[in-house]
Amino acid sequence: MPIYEYVCRACGAQFEDIVSADAPPPACPKCKAQKTDKLLSCCRIGRGSSDTGFTGTAPRAASGGCAGCSGGNCSTCG
Protein backbone atom coordinates (compact mmCIF):
# COMPACT_ATOMS: atom_id res chain seq x y z
CA MET A 1 0.00 0.00 0.00
CA PRO A 2 1.24 3.52 -0.70
CA ILE A 3 2.16 6.16 1.86
CA TYR A 4 0.01 9.27 1.56
CA GLU A 5 0.57 12.68 3.11
CA TYR A 6 -2.35 14.48 4.74
CA VAL A 7 -3.09 17.84 6.36
CA CYS A 8 -5.71 18.37 9.05
CA ARG A 9 -8.22 21.15 8.32
CA ALA A 10 -8.91 21.59 12.03
CA CYS A 11 -5.41 22.01 13.49
CA GLY A 12 -3.12 22.22 10.43
CA ALA A 13 -1.01 19.21 11.40
CA GLN A 14 0.65 17.34 8.53
CA PHE A 15 1.13 13.59 8.77
CA GLU A 16 1.69 10.46 6.69
CA ASP A 17 -0.32 7.27 6.70
CA ILE A 18 -0.25 3.98 4.83
CA VAL A 19 -3.71 3.42 3.37
CA SER A 20 -5.27 1.77 0.36
CA ALA A 21 -6.09 4.14 -2.49
CA ASP A 22 -9.87 3.77 -2.06
CA ALA A 23 -9.92 4.13 1.76
CA PRO A 24 -11.44 7.25 3.34
CA PRO A 25 -8.96 9.81 4.68
CA PRO A 26 -7.66 8.92 8.17
CA ALA A 27 -8.35 10.96 11.29
CA CYS A 28 -5.72 13.44 12.45
CA PRO A 29 -3.36 11.76 14.95
CA LYS A 30 -2.90 15.07 16.81
CA CYS A 31 -6.46 16.34 17.36
CA LYS A 32 -8.47 13.29 16.14
CA ALA A 33 -10.50 15.43 13.69
CA GLN A 34 -11.95 13.57 10.70
CA LYS A 35 -11.50 16.51 8.30
CA THR A 36 -8.20 15.74 6.60
CA ASP A 37 -7.08 16.35 3.04
CA LYS A 38 -4.63 14.34 0.96
CA LEU A 39 -1.61 16.42 -0.11
CA LEU A 40 0.00 16.28 -3.51
CA SER A 41 3.39 14.65 -2.98
CA CYS A 42 6.51 14.88 -5.08
CA CYS A 43 8.07 11.67 -6.28
CA ARG A 44 11.06 10.72 -8.33
CA ILE A 45 11.36 7.92 -10.83
CA GLY A 46 14.84 6.50 -11.42
CA ARG A 47 16.41 6.87 -14.84
CA GLY A 48 18.13 3.51 -14.83
CA SER A 49 20.91 1.61 -13.11
CA SER A 50 23.23 4.65 -13.06
CA ASP A 51 20.69 6.73 -11.11
CA THR A 52 21.95 7.08 -7.54
CA GLY A 53 18.97 8.96 -6.14
CA PHE A 54 18.01 12.48 -5.27
CA THR A 55 20.99 14.82 -4.98
CA GLY A 56 19.48 18.30 -5.20
CA THR A 57 16.80 20.28 -3.46
CA ALA A 58 13.08 20.18 -4.11
CA PRO A 59 11.62 22.64 -6.63
CA ARG A 60 10.48 25.95 -5.15
CA ALA A 61 6.78 26.73 -4.92
CA ALA A 62 5.37 30.17 -5.68
CA SER A 63 4.88 30.76 -1.95
CA GLY A 64 8.62 30.52 -1.20
CA GLY A 65 9.06 26.99 0.13
CA CYS A 66 9.48 23.76 -1.76
CA ALA A 67 6.60 22.05 -3.48
CA GLY A 68 6.26 19.75 -0.45
CA CYS A 69 5.86 22.25 2.39
CA SER A 70 5.50 25.75 0.85
CA GLY A 71 6.99 27.20 4.00
CA GLY A 72 10.71 27.02 3.30
CA ASN A 73 11.55 25.11 6.47
CA CYS A 74 11.31 21.39 5.75
CA SER A 75 14.25 19.07 5.23
CA THR A 76 13.87 19.06 1.43
CA CYS A 77 13.98 22.86 1.04
CA GLY A 78 17.73 22.80 1.68
PDB file of N, CA and C in Angstrom:
ATOM      1  N   MET A   1       0.839  -1.175   0.000  1.00  0.00           N
ATOM      2  CA  MET A   1       0.000   0.000   0.000  1.00  0.00           C
ATOM      3  C   MET A   1       0.891   1.248   0.000  1.00  0.00           C
ATOM      4  N   PRO A   2       0.430   2.296  -0.636  1.00  0.00           N
ATOM      5  CA  PRO A   2       1.235   3.522  -0.702  1.00  0.00           C
ATOM      6  C   PRO A   2       1.151   4.352   0.577  1.00  0.00           C
ATOM      7  N   ILE A   3       2.149   5.194   0.765  1.00  0.00           N
ATOM      8  CA  ILE A   3       2.161   6.161   1.863  1.00  0.00           C
ATOM      9  C   ILE A   3       1.604   7.466   1.309  1.00  0.00           C
ATOM     10  N   TYR A   4       0.600   8.001   1.959  1.00  0.00           N
ATOM     11  CA  TYR A   4       0.005   9.267   1.559  1.00  0.00           C
ATOM     12  C   TYR A   4       0.284  10.316   2.630  1.00  0.00           C
ATOM     13  N   GLU A   5       0.401  11.564   2.194  1.00  0.00           N
ATOM     14  CA  GLU A   5       0.569  12.685   3.113  1.00  0.00           C
ATOM     15  C   GLU A   5      -0.773  13.397   3.242  1.00  0.00           C
ATOM     16  N   TYR A   6      -1.088  13.816   4.461  1.00  0.00           N
ATOM     17  CA  TYR A   6      -2.355  14.479   4.744  1.00  0.00           C
ATOM     18  C   TYR A   6      -2.108  15.747   5.550  1.00  0.00           C
ATOM     19  N   VAL A   7      -3.084  16.652   5.505  1.00  0.00           N
ATOM     20  CA  VAL A   7      -3.090  17.836   6.364  1.00  0.00           C
ATOM     21  C   VAL A   7      -4.465  17.902   7.023  1.00  0.00           C
ATOM     22  N   CYS A   8      -4.462  18.268   8.292  1.00  0.00           N
ATOM     23  CA  CYS A   8      -5.710  18.372   9.048  1.00  0.00           C
ATOM     24  C   CYS A   8      -6.287  19.774   8.864  1.00  0.00           C
ATOM     25  N   ARG A   9      -7.555  19.843   8.489  1.00  0.00           N
ATOM     26  CA  ARG A   9      -8.219  21.146   8.317  1.00  0.00           C
ATOM     27  C   ARG A   9      -8.521  21.803   9.657  1.00  0.00           C
ATOM     28  N   ALA A  10      -8.585  21.033  10.721  1.00  0.00           N
ATOM     29  CA  ALA A  10      -8.914  21.590  12.034  1.00  0.00           C
ATOM     30  C   ALA A  10      -7.705  22.215  12.734  1.00  0.00           C
ATOM     31  N   CYS A  11      -6.570  21.511  12.745  1.00  0.00           N
ATOM     32  CA  CYS A  11      -5.411  22.012  13.494  1.00  0.00           C
ATOM     33  C   CYS A  11      -4.201  22.319  12.619  1.00  0.00           C
ATOM     34  N   GLY A  12      -4.234  21.930  11.337  1.00  0.00           N
ATOM     35  CA  GLY A  12      -3.124  22.219  10.429  1.00  0.00           C
ATOM     36  C   GLY A  12      -1.972  21.232  10.478  1.00  0.00           C
ATOM     37  N   ALA A  13      -2.080  20.201  11.296  1.00  0.00           N
ATOM     38  CA  ALA A  13      -1.010  19.209  11.399  1.00  0.00           C
ATOM     39  C   ALA A  13      -0.856  18.462  10.078  1.00  0.00           C
ATOM     40  N   GLN A  14       0.382  18.163   9.699  1.00  0.00           N
ATOM     41  CA  GLN A  14       0.653  17.341   8.529  1.00  0.00           C
ATOM     42  C   GLN A  14       1.170  16.001   9.008  1.00  0.00           C
ATOM     43  N   PHE A  15       0.723  14.929   8.362  1.00  0.00           N
ATOM     44  CA  PHE A  15       1.131  13.594   8.767  1.00  0.00           C
ATOM     45  C   PHE A  15       1.078  12.654   7.578  1.00  0.00           C
ATOM     46  N   GLU A  16       1.694  11.498   7.721  1.00  0.00           N
ATOM     47  CA  GLU A  16       1.694  10.457   6.694  1.00  0.00           C
ATOM     48  C   GLU A  16       0.949   9.248   7.223  1.00  0.00           C
ATOM     49  N   ASP A  17       0.352   8.499   6.319  1.00  0.00           N
ATOM     50  CA  ASP A  17      -0.325   7.268   6.701  1.00  0.00           C
ATOM     51  C   ASP A  17      -0.283   6.291   5.533  1.00  0.00           C
ATOM     52  N   ILE A  18      -0.228   5.030   5.842  1.00  0.00           N
ATOM     53  CA  ILE A  18      -0.246   3.976   4.825  1.00  0.00           C
ATOM     54  C   ILE A  18      -1.684   3.496   4.711  1.00  0.00           C
ATOM     55  N   VAL A  19      -2.304   3.791   3.583  1.00  0.00           N
ATOM     56  CA  VAL A  19      -3.705   3.419   3.374  1.00  0.00           C
ATOM     57  C   VAL A  19      -3.897   2.937   1.948  1.00  0.00           C
ATOM     58  N   SER A  20      -4.951   2.170   1.727  1.00  0.00           N
ATOM     59  CA  SER A  20      -5.265   1.771   0.364  1.00  0.00           C
ATOM     60  C   SER A  20      -5.836   2.978  -0.375  1.00  0.00           C
ATOM     61  N   ALA A  21      -5.709   2.983  -1.676  1.00  0.00           N
ATOM     62  CA  ALA A  21      -6.092   4.139  -2.487  1.00  0.00           C
ATOM     63  C   ALA A  21      -7.574   4.485  -2.367  1.00  0.00           C
ATOM     64  N   ASP A  22      -8.431   3.507  -2.125  1.00  0.00           N
ATOM     65  CA  ASP A  22      -9.870   3.765  -2.059  1.00  0.00           C
ATOM     66  C   ASP A  22     -10.399   3.944  -0.629  1.00  0.00           C
ATOM     67  N   ALA A  23      -9.512   3.959   0.360  1.00  0.00           N
ATOM     68  CA  ALA A  23      -9.923   4.132   1.756  1.00  0.00           C
ATOM     69  C   ALA A  23     -10.249   5.594   2.040  1.00  0.00           C
ATOM     70  N   PRO A  24     -11.150   5.852   2.976  1.00  0.00           N
ATOM     71  CA  PRO A  24     -11.438   7.245   3.338  1.00  0.00           C
ATOM     72  C   PRO A  24     -10.221   7.856   4.039  1.00  0.00           C
ATOM     73  N   PRO A  25     -10.098   9.180   4.018  1.00  0.00           N
ATOM     74  CA  PRO A  25      -8.956   9.815   4.682  1.00  0.00           C
ATOM     75  C   PRO A  25      -8.933   9.475   6.170  1.00  0.00           C
ATOM     76  N   PRO A  26      -7.747   9.267   6.744  1.00  0.00           N
ATOM     77  CA  PRO A  26      -7.656   8.924   8.167  1.00  0.00           C
ATOM     78  C   PRO A  26      -7.896  10.145   9.052  1.00  0.00           C
ATOM     79  N   ALA A  27      -8.196   9.886  10.312  1.00  0.00           N
ATOM     80  CA  ALA A  27      -8.353  10.964  11.289  1.00  0.00           C
ATOM     81  C   ALA A  27      -6.980  11.539  11.631  1.00  0.00           C
ATOM     82  N   CYS A  28      -6.956  12.779  12.052  1.00  0.00           N
ATOM     83  CA  CYS A  28      -5.715  13.436  12.453  1.00  0.00           C
ATOM     84  C   CYS A  28      -5.179  12.786  13.721  1.00  0.00           C
ATOM     85  N   PRO A  29      -3.903  12.386  13.745  1.00  0.00           N
ATOM     86  CA  PRO A  29      -3.360  11.763  14.950  1.00  0.00           C
ATOM     87  C   PRO A  29      -3.160  12.753  16.097  1.00  0.00           C
ATOM     88  N   LYS A  30      -3.129  14.053  15.786  1.00  0.00           N
ATOM     89  CA  LYS A  30      -2.897  15.074  16.810  1.00  0.00           C
ATOM     90  C   LYS A  30      -4.187  15.466  17.529  1.00  0.00           C
ATOM     91  N   CYS A  31      -5.226  15.850  16.743  1.00  0.00           N
ATOM     92  CA  CYS A  31      -6.462  16.340  17.359  1.00  0.00           C
ATOM     93  C   CYS A  31      -7.655  15.399  17.160  1.00  0.00           C
ATOM     94  N   LYS A  32      -7.446  14.317  16.406  1.00  0.00           N
ATOM     95  CA  LYS A  32      -8.474  13.293  16.144  1.00  0.00           C
ATOM     96  C   LYS A  32      -9.604  13.764  15.230  1.00  0.00           C
ATOM     97  N   ALA A  33      -9.470  14.939  14.602  1.00  0.00           N
ATOM     98  CA  ALA A  33     -10.502  15.431  13.687  1.00  0.00           C
ATOM     99  C   ALA A  33     -10.562  14.538  12.448  1.00  0.00           C
ATOM    100  N   GLN A  34     -11.746  14.388  11.891  1.00  0.00           N
ATOM    101  CA  GLN A  34     -11.951  13.566  10.698  1.00  0.00           C
ATOM    102  C   GLN A  34     -11.755  14.355   9.405  1.00  0.00           C
ATOM    103  N   LYS A  35     -11.620  15.660   9.485  1.00  0.00           N
ATOM    104  CA  LYS A  35     -11.505  16.510   8.301  1.00  0.00           C
ATOM    105  C   LYS A  35     -10.037  16.649   7.898  1.00  0.00           C
ATOM    106  N   THR A  36      -9.571  15.709   7.097  1.00  0.00           N
ATOM    107  CA  THR A  36      -8.197  15.737   6.601  1.00  0.00           C
ATOM    108  C   THR A  36      -8.205  15.687   5.082  1.00  0.00           C
ATOM    109  N   ASP A  37      -7.205  16.319   4.484  1.00  0.00           N
ATOM    110  CA  ASP A  37      -7.081  16.350   3.036  1.00  0.00           C
ATOM    111  C   ASP A  37      -5.770  15.711   2.611  1.00  0.00           C
ATOM    112  N   LYS A  38      -5.820  14.954   1.522  1.00  0.00           N
ATOM    113  CA  LYS A  38      -4.626  14.345   0.963  1.00  0.00           C
ATOM    114  C   LYS A  38      -3.805  15.429   0.274  1.00  0.00           C
ATOM    115  N   LEU A  39      -2.500  15.452   0.525  1.00  0.00           N
ATOM    116  CA  LEU A  39      -1.610  16.418  -0.110  1.00  0.00           C
ATOM    117  C   LEU A  39      -1.021  15.837  -1.383  1.00  0.00           C
ATOM    118  N   LEU A  40      -0.684  16.690  -2.294  1.00  0.00           N
ATOM    119  CA  LEU A  40       0.003  16.278  -3.507  1.00  0.00           C
ATOM    120  C   LEU A  40       1.477  16.122  -3.167  1.00  0.00           C
ATOM    121  N   SER A  41       2.005  14.937  -3.338  1.00  0.00           N
ATOM    122  CA  SER A  41       3.388  14.648  -2.981  1.00  0.00           C
ATOM    123  C   SER A  41       4.272  14.616  -4.208  1.00  0.00           C
ATOM    124  N   CYS A  42       5.515  14.978  -4.009  1.00  0.00           N
ATOM    125  CA  CYS A  42       6.512  14.878  -5.081  1.00  0.00           C
ATOM    126  C   CYS A  42       7.083  13.460  -5.068  1.00  0.00           C
ATOM    127  N   CYS A  43       7.409  12.971  -6.216  1.00  0.00           N
ATOM    128  CA  CYS A  43       8.066  11.675  -6.275  1.00  0.00           C
ATOM    129  C   CYS A  43       9.139  11.737  -7.346  1.00  0.00           C
ATOM    130  N   ARG A  44      10.009  10.770  -7.340  1.00  0.00           N
ATOM    131  CA  ARG A  44      11.064  10.717  -8.327  1.00  0.00           C
ATOM    132  C   ARG A  44      11.142   9.296  -8.864  1.00  0.00           C
ATOM    133  N   ILE A  45      11.227   9.204 -10.158  1.00  0.00           N
ATOM    134  CA  ILE A  45      11.362   7.921 -10.827  1.00  0.00           C
ATOM    135  C   ILE A  45      12.811   7.811 -11.303  1.00  0.00           C
ATOM    136  N   GLY A  46      13.457   6.696 -11.000  1.00  0.00           N
ATOM    137  CA  GLY A  46      14.843   6.503 -11.419  1.00  0.00           C
ATOM    138  C   GLY A  46      14.986   6.446 -12.922  1.00  0.00           C
ATOM    139  N   ARG A  47      16.163   6.863 -13.404  1.00  0.00           N
ATOM    140  CA  ARG A  47      16.408   6.873 -14.844  1.00  0.00           C
ATOM    141  C   ARG A  47      17.138   5.622 -15.314  1.00  0.00           C
ATOM    142  N   GLY A  48      17.425   4.720 -14.443  1.00  0.00           N
ATOM    143  CA  GLY A  48      18.127   3.507 -14.832  1.00  0.00           C
ATOM    144  C   GLY A  48      19.125   3.087 -13.771  1.00  0.00           C
ATOM    145  N   SER A  49      19.989   2.149 -14.100  1.00  0.00           N
ATOM    146  CA  SER A  49      20.908   1.609 -13.109  1.00  0.00           C
ATOM    147  C   SER A  49      21.962   2.614 -12.661  1.00  0.00           C
ATOM    148  N   SER A  50      22.236   3.663 -13.459  1.00  0.00           N
ATOM    149  CA  SER A  50      23.230   4.652 -13.057  1.00  0.00           C
ATOM    150  C   SER A  50      22.641   5.729 -12.147  1.00  0.00           C
ATOM    151  N   ASP A  51      21.325   5.742 -11.955  1.00  0.00           N
ATOM    152  CA  ASP A  51      20.690   6.735 -11.108  1.00  0.00           C
ATOM    153  C   ASP A  51      20.975   6.410  -9.647  1.00  0.00           C
ATOM    154  N   THR A  52      21.583   7.331  -8.933  1.00  0.00           N
ATOM    155  CA  THR A  52      21.953   7.085  -7.543  1.00  0.00           C
ATOM    156  C   THR A  52      21.000   7.720  -6.561  1.00  0.00           C
ATOM    157  N   GLY A  53      19.953   8.371  -7.043  1.00  0.00           N
ATOM    158  CA  GLY A  53      18.970   8.964  -6.144  1.00  0.00           C
ATOM    159  C   GLY A  53      18.972  10.465  -6.190  1.00  0.00           C
ATOM    160  N   PHE A  54      18.199  11.035  -5.317  1.00  0.00           N
ATOM    161  CA  PHE A  54      18.005  12.482  -5.271  1.00  0.00           C
ATOM    162  C   PHE A  54      19.256  13.153  -4.719  1.00  0.00           C
ATOM    163  N   THR A  55      19.772  14.146  -5.435  1.00  0.00           N
ATOM    164  CA  THR A  55      20.989  14.815  -4.979  1.00  0.00           C
ATOM    165  C   THR A  55      20.817  16.317  -4.848  1.00  0.00           C
ATOM    166  N   GLY A  56      19.677  16.863  -5.263  1.00  0.00           N
ATOM    167  CA  GLY A  56      19.477  18.302  -5.203  1.00  0.00           C
ATOM    168  C   GLY A  56      18.426  18.670  -4.183  1.00  0.00           C
ATOM    169  N   THR A  57      17.871  19.853  -4.334  1.00  0.00           N
ATOM    170  CA  THR A  57      16.799  20.283  -3.464  1.00  0.00           C
ATOM    171  C   THR A  57      15.484  20.231  -4.223  1.00  0.00           C
ATOM    172  N   ALA A  58      14.401  20.240  -3.489  1.00  0.00           N
ATOM    173  CA  ALA A  58      13.082  20.175  -4.110  1.00  0.00           C
ATOM    174  C   ALA A  58      12.792  21.471  -4.852  1.00  0.00           C
ATOM    175  N   PRO A  59      11.960  21.418  -5.891  1.00  0.00           N
ATOM    176  CA  PRO A  59      11.621  22.637  -6.629  1.00  0.00           C
ATOM    177  C   PRO A  59      10.884  23.621  -5.735  1.00  0.00           C
ATOM    178  N   ARG A  60      11.109  24.903  -5.958  1.00  0.00           N
ATOM    179  CA  ARG A  60      10.484  25.948  -5.152  1.00  0.00           C
ATOM    180  C   ARG A  60       9.047  26.195  -5.603  1.00  0.00           C
ATOM    181  N   ALA A  61       8.172  26.385  -4.641  1.00  0.00           N
ATOM    182  CA  ALA A  61       6.782  26.725  -4.922  1.00  0.00           C
ATOM    183  C   ALA A  61       6.664  28.243  -4.999  1.00  0.00           C
ATOM    184  N   ALA A  62       5.585  28.727  -5.545  1.00  0.00           N
ATOM    185  CA  ALA A  62       5.371  30.167  -5.681  1.00  0.00           C
ATOM    186  C   ALA A  62       5.345  30.871  -4.328  1.00  0.00           C
ATOM    187  N   SER A  63       4.989  30.152  -3.273  1.00  0.00           N
ATOM    188  CA  SER A  63       4.880  30.765  -1.951  1.00  0.00           C
ATOM    189  C   SER A  63       6.211  30.840  -1.221  1.00  0.00           C
ATOM    190  N   GLY A  64       7.300  30.356  -1.807  1.00  0.00           N
ATOM    191  CA  GLY A  64       8.617  30.516  -1.202  1.00  0.00           C
ATOM    192  C   GLY A  64       9.253  29.243  -0.697  1.00  0.00           C
ATOM    193  N   GLY A  65       8.487  28.240  -0.334  1.00  0.00           N
ATOM    194  CA  GLY A  65       9.059  26.986   0.129  1.00  0.00           C
ATOM    195  C   GLY A  65       9.152  26.012  -1.025  1.00  0.00           C
ATOM    196  N   CYS A  66       9.432  24.767  -0.707  1.00  0.00           N
ATOM    197  CA  CYS A  66       9.479  23.763  -1.757  1.00  0.00           C
ATOM    198  C   CYS A  66       8.058  23.310  -2.080  1.00  0.00           C
ATOM    199  N   ALA A  67       7.919  22.524  -3.074  1.00  0.00           N
ATOM    200  CA  ALA A  67       6.597  22.048  -3.475  1.00  0.00           C
ATOM    201  C   ALA A  67       5.976  21.162  -2.404  1.00  0.00           C
ATOM    202  N   GLY A  68       6.783  20.621  -1.488  1.00  0.00           N
ATOM    203  CA  GLY A  68       6.265  19.747  -0.448  1.00  0.00           C
ATOM    204  C   GLY A  68       5.698  20.474   0.750  1.00  0.00           C
ATOM    205  N   CYS A  69       6.322  21.617   1.153  1.00  0.00           N
ATOM    206  CA  CYS A  69       5.857  22.255   2.389  1.00  0.00           C
ATOM    207  C   CYS A  69       5.376  23.679   2.184  1.00  0.00           C
ATOM    208  N   SER A  70       5.826  24.353   1.179  1.00  0.00           N
ATOM    209  CA  SER A  70       5.499  25.746   0.849  1.00  0.00           C
ATOM    210  C   SER A  70       5.835  26.730   1.957  1.00  0.00           C
ATOM    211  N   GLY A  71       6.622  26.296   2.929  1.00  0.00           N
ATOM    212  CA  GLY A  71       6.989  27.200   3.999  1.00  0.00           C
ATOM    213  C   GLY A  71       8.465  27.498   4.075  1.00  0.00           C
ATOM    214  N   GLY A  72       9.289  26.762   3.330  1.00  0.00           N
ATOM    215  CA  GLY A  72      10.713  27.022   3.304  1.00  0.00           C
ATOM    216  C   GLY A  72      11.469  26.483   4.499  1.00  0.00           C
ATOM    217  N   ASN A  73      10.860  25.586   5.280  1.00  0.00           N
ATOM    218  CA  ASN A  73      11.554  25.114   6.475  1.00  0.00           C
ATOM    219  C   ASN A  73      11.542  23.603   6.651  1.00  0.00           C
ATOM    220  N   CYS A  74      11.262  22.848   5.604  1.00  0.00           N
ATOM    221  CA  CYS A  74      11.311  21.393   5.750  1.00  0.00           C
ATOM    222  C   CYS A  74      12.687  20.881   5.326  1.00  0.00           C
ATOM    223  N   SER A  75      12.928  19.622   5.511  1.00  0.00           N
ATOM    224  CA  SER A  75      14.249  19.066   5.229  1.00  0.00           C
ATOM    225  C   SER A  75      14.580  19.032   3.735  1.00  0.00           C
ATOM    226  N   THR A  76      13.571  19.094   2.862  1.00  0.00           N
ATOM    227  CA  THR A  76      13.875  19.062   1.426  1.00  0.00           C
ATOM    228  C   THR A  76      14.085  20.440   0.823  1.00  0.00           C
ATOM    229  N   CYS A  77      13.791  21.514   1.576  1.00  0.00           N
ATOM    230  CA  CYS A  77      13.980  22.861   1.044  1.00  0.00           C
ATOM    231  C   CYS A  77      15.461  23.205   0.898  1.00  0.00           C
ATOM    232  N   GLY A  78      16.277  22.614   1.735  1.00  0.00           N
ATOM    233  CA  GLY A  78      17.728  22.797   1.678  1.00  0.00           C
ATOM    234  C   GLY A  78      18.230  24.162   1.640  1.00  0.00           C
TER     235      GLY A  78
END
